[in-house]
Amino acid sequence: MSNKFLRIYILNEYNAIRRNFPKLSPLRAYTKAWNVKVIPIFLTVMSTILGFVPFMIGDKTPFWFPLAAGTIGGLVMSVIESRTRLYIDISYEDEC
């Protein structure tokens, strides 16, 4: 899952929560949106990572090992960066 799509997925839920509960603070709405969407995101990420693990520990062929390493690293960093970036964006919106 691309970082851009991950953010859209969470922001879509965030916007729905803000529409349904307009008096809810932006930070609280973001936390609720993250909690609703975190399970499908992590299940997708974990299934992809676990699918590439055999290529990391098996024969280190010139094609599969770099593909697995890059995919696993990219997915992990994407989730970490998305969580941090969205939190910072929402916190900034709350201050304005």
Protein backbone atom coordinates (compact mmCIF):
# COMPACT_ATOMS: atom_id res chain seq x y z
CA MET A 1 0.00 0.00 0.00
CA SER A 2 1.48 3.26 -1.07
CA ASN A 3 1.95 5.94 1.57
CA LYS A 4 -0.35 8.27 -0.40
CA PHE A 5 -3.18 5.72 -0.39
CA LEU A 6 -2.61 4.93 3.27
CA ARG A 7 -3.09 8.59 4.15
CA ILE A 8 -6.19 8.91 1.94
CA TYR A 9 -7.68 5.83 3.59
CA ILE A 10 -7.26 7.31 7.08
CA LEU A 11 -8.19 10.88 6.07
CA ASN A 12 -11.41 9.67 4.49
CA GLU A 13 -12.44 8.18 7.84
CA TYR A 14 -11.22 11.32 9.64
CA ASN A 15 -13.42 13.54 7.44
CA ALA A 16 -16.44 11.29 8.02
CA ILE A 17 -15.94 11.49 11.80
CA ARG A 18 -15.57 15.28 11.65
CA ARG A 19 -18.84 15.55 9.65
CA ASN A 20 -20.74 13.29 12.06
CA PHE A 21 -19.26 14.82 15.23
CA PRO A 22 -18.45 18.48 14.49
CA LYS A 23 -17.67 19.38 18.12
CA LEU A 24 -15.03 16.66 18.41
CA SER A 25 -11.47 18.04 18.48
CA PRO A 26 -9.36 17.33 15.38
CA LEU A 27 -6.81 15.35 17.37
CA ARG A 28 -9.51 13.16 18.94
CA ALA A 29 -11.15 12.65 15.51
CA TYR A 30 -7.78 11.61 14.06
CA THR A 31 -7.23 9.14 16.90
CA LYS A 32 -10.66 7.62 16.30
CA ALA A 33 -10.02 7.39 12.53
CA TRP A 34 -6.62 5.77 13.08
CA ASN A 35 -8.10 3.23 15.51
CA VAL A 36 -10.83 2.26 13.04
CA LYS A 37 -8.50 1.87 10.06
CA VAL A 38 -5.38 0.47 11.74
CA ILE A 39 -6.44 -3.19 11.69
CA PRO A 40 -7.00 -3.49 7.90
CA ILE A 41 -3.81 -1.53 7.25
CA PHE A 42 -1.67 -3.68 9.50
CA LEU A 43 -3.22 -6.93 8.25
CA THR A 44 -2.35 -5.95 4.69
CA VAL A 45 1.18 -4.88 5.63
CA MET A 46 1.82 -7.97 7.76
CA SER A 47 0.52 -10.40 5.14
CA THR A 48 2.78 -8.84 2.52
CA ILE A 49 5.80 -8.87 4.84
CA LEU A 50 5.19 -12.49 5.84
CA GLY A 51 4.81 -13.40 2.17
CA PHE A 52 8.27 -12.00 1.41
CA VAL A 53 10.06 -13.49 4.44
CA PRO A 54 10.83 -16.82 2.67
CA PHE A 55 12.70 -14.88 0.00
CA MET A 56 14.76 -13.16 2.69
CA ILE A 57 15.82 -16.34 4.51
CA GLY A 58 15.99 -18.74 1.57
CA ASP A 59 18.38 -18.64 -1.38
CA LYS A 60 19.54 -15.08 -1.76
CA THR A 61 18.96 -14.89 -5.49
CA PRO A 62 19.82 -11.67 -7.31
CA PHE A 63 16.16 -10.88 -8.02
CA TRP A 64 14.03 -12.06 -5.07
CA PHE A 65 16.20 -11.01 -2.14
CA PRO A 66 16.45 -7.29 -3.09
CA LEU A 67 12.77 -7.26 -4.02
CA ALA A 68 11.81 -8.71 -0.62
CA ALA A 69 14.18 -6.43 1.31
CA GLY A 70 12.97 -3.31 -0.48
CA THR A 71 9.31 -4.20 -0.13
CA ILE A 72 9.54 -5.05 3.55
CA GLY A 73 11.57 -1.93 4.34
CA GLY A 74 9.26 0.27 2.29
CA LEU A 75 6.11 -1.02 3.95
CA VAL A 76 7.49 -0.63 7.46
CA MET A 77 8.76 2.88 6.80
CA SER A 78 5.54 3.84 5.02
CA VAL A 79 3.40 2.95 8.03
CA ILE A 80 5.78 4.69 10.46
CA GLU A 81 6.01 7.83 8.32
CA SER A 82 2.29 7.95 7.65
CA ARG A 83 1.42 7.69 11.33
CA THR A 84 3.90 10.40 12.27
CA ARG A 85 3.06 12.75 9.40
CA LEU A 86 -0.70 12.55 9.79
CA TYR A 87 -0.39 13.11 13.52
CA ILE A 88 1.74 16.21 12.94
CA ASP A 89 -0.67 17.53 10.26
CA ILE A 90 -3.70 17.03 12.49
CA SER A 91 -1.92 18.54 15.53
CA TYR A 92 -1.06 21.61 13.43
CA GLU A 93 -4.68 21.93 12.29
CA ASP A 94 -5.80 21.75 15.92
CA GLU A 95 -3.55 24.72 16.83
CA CYS A 96 -4.84 26.98 14.04
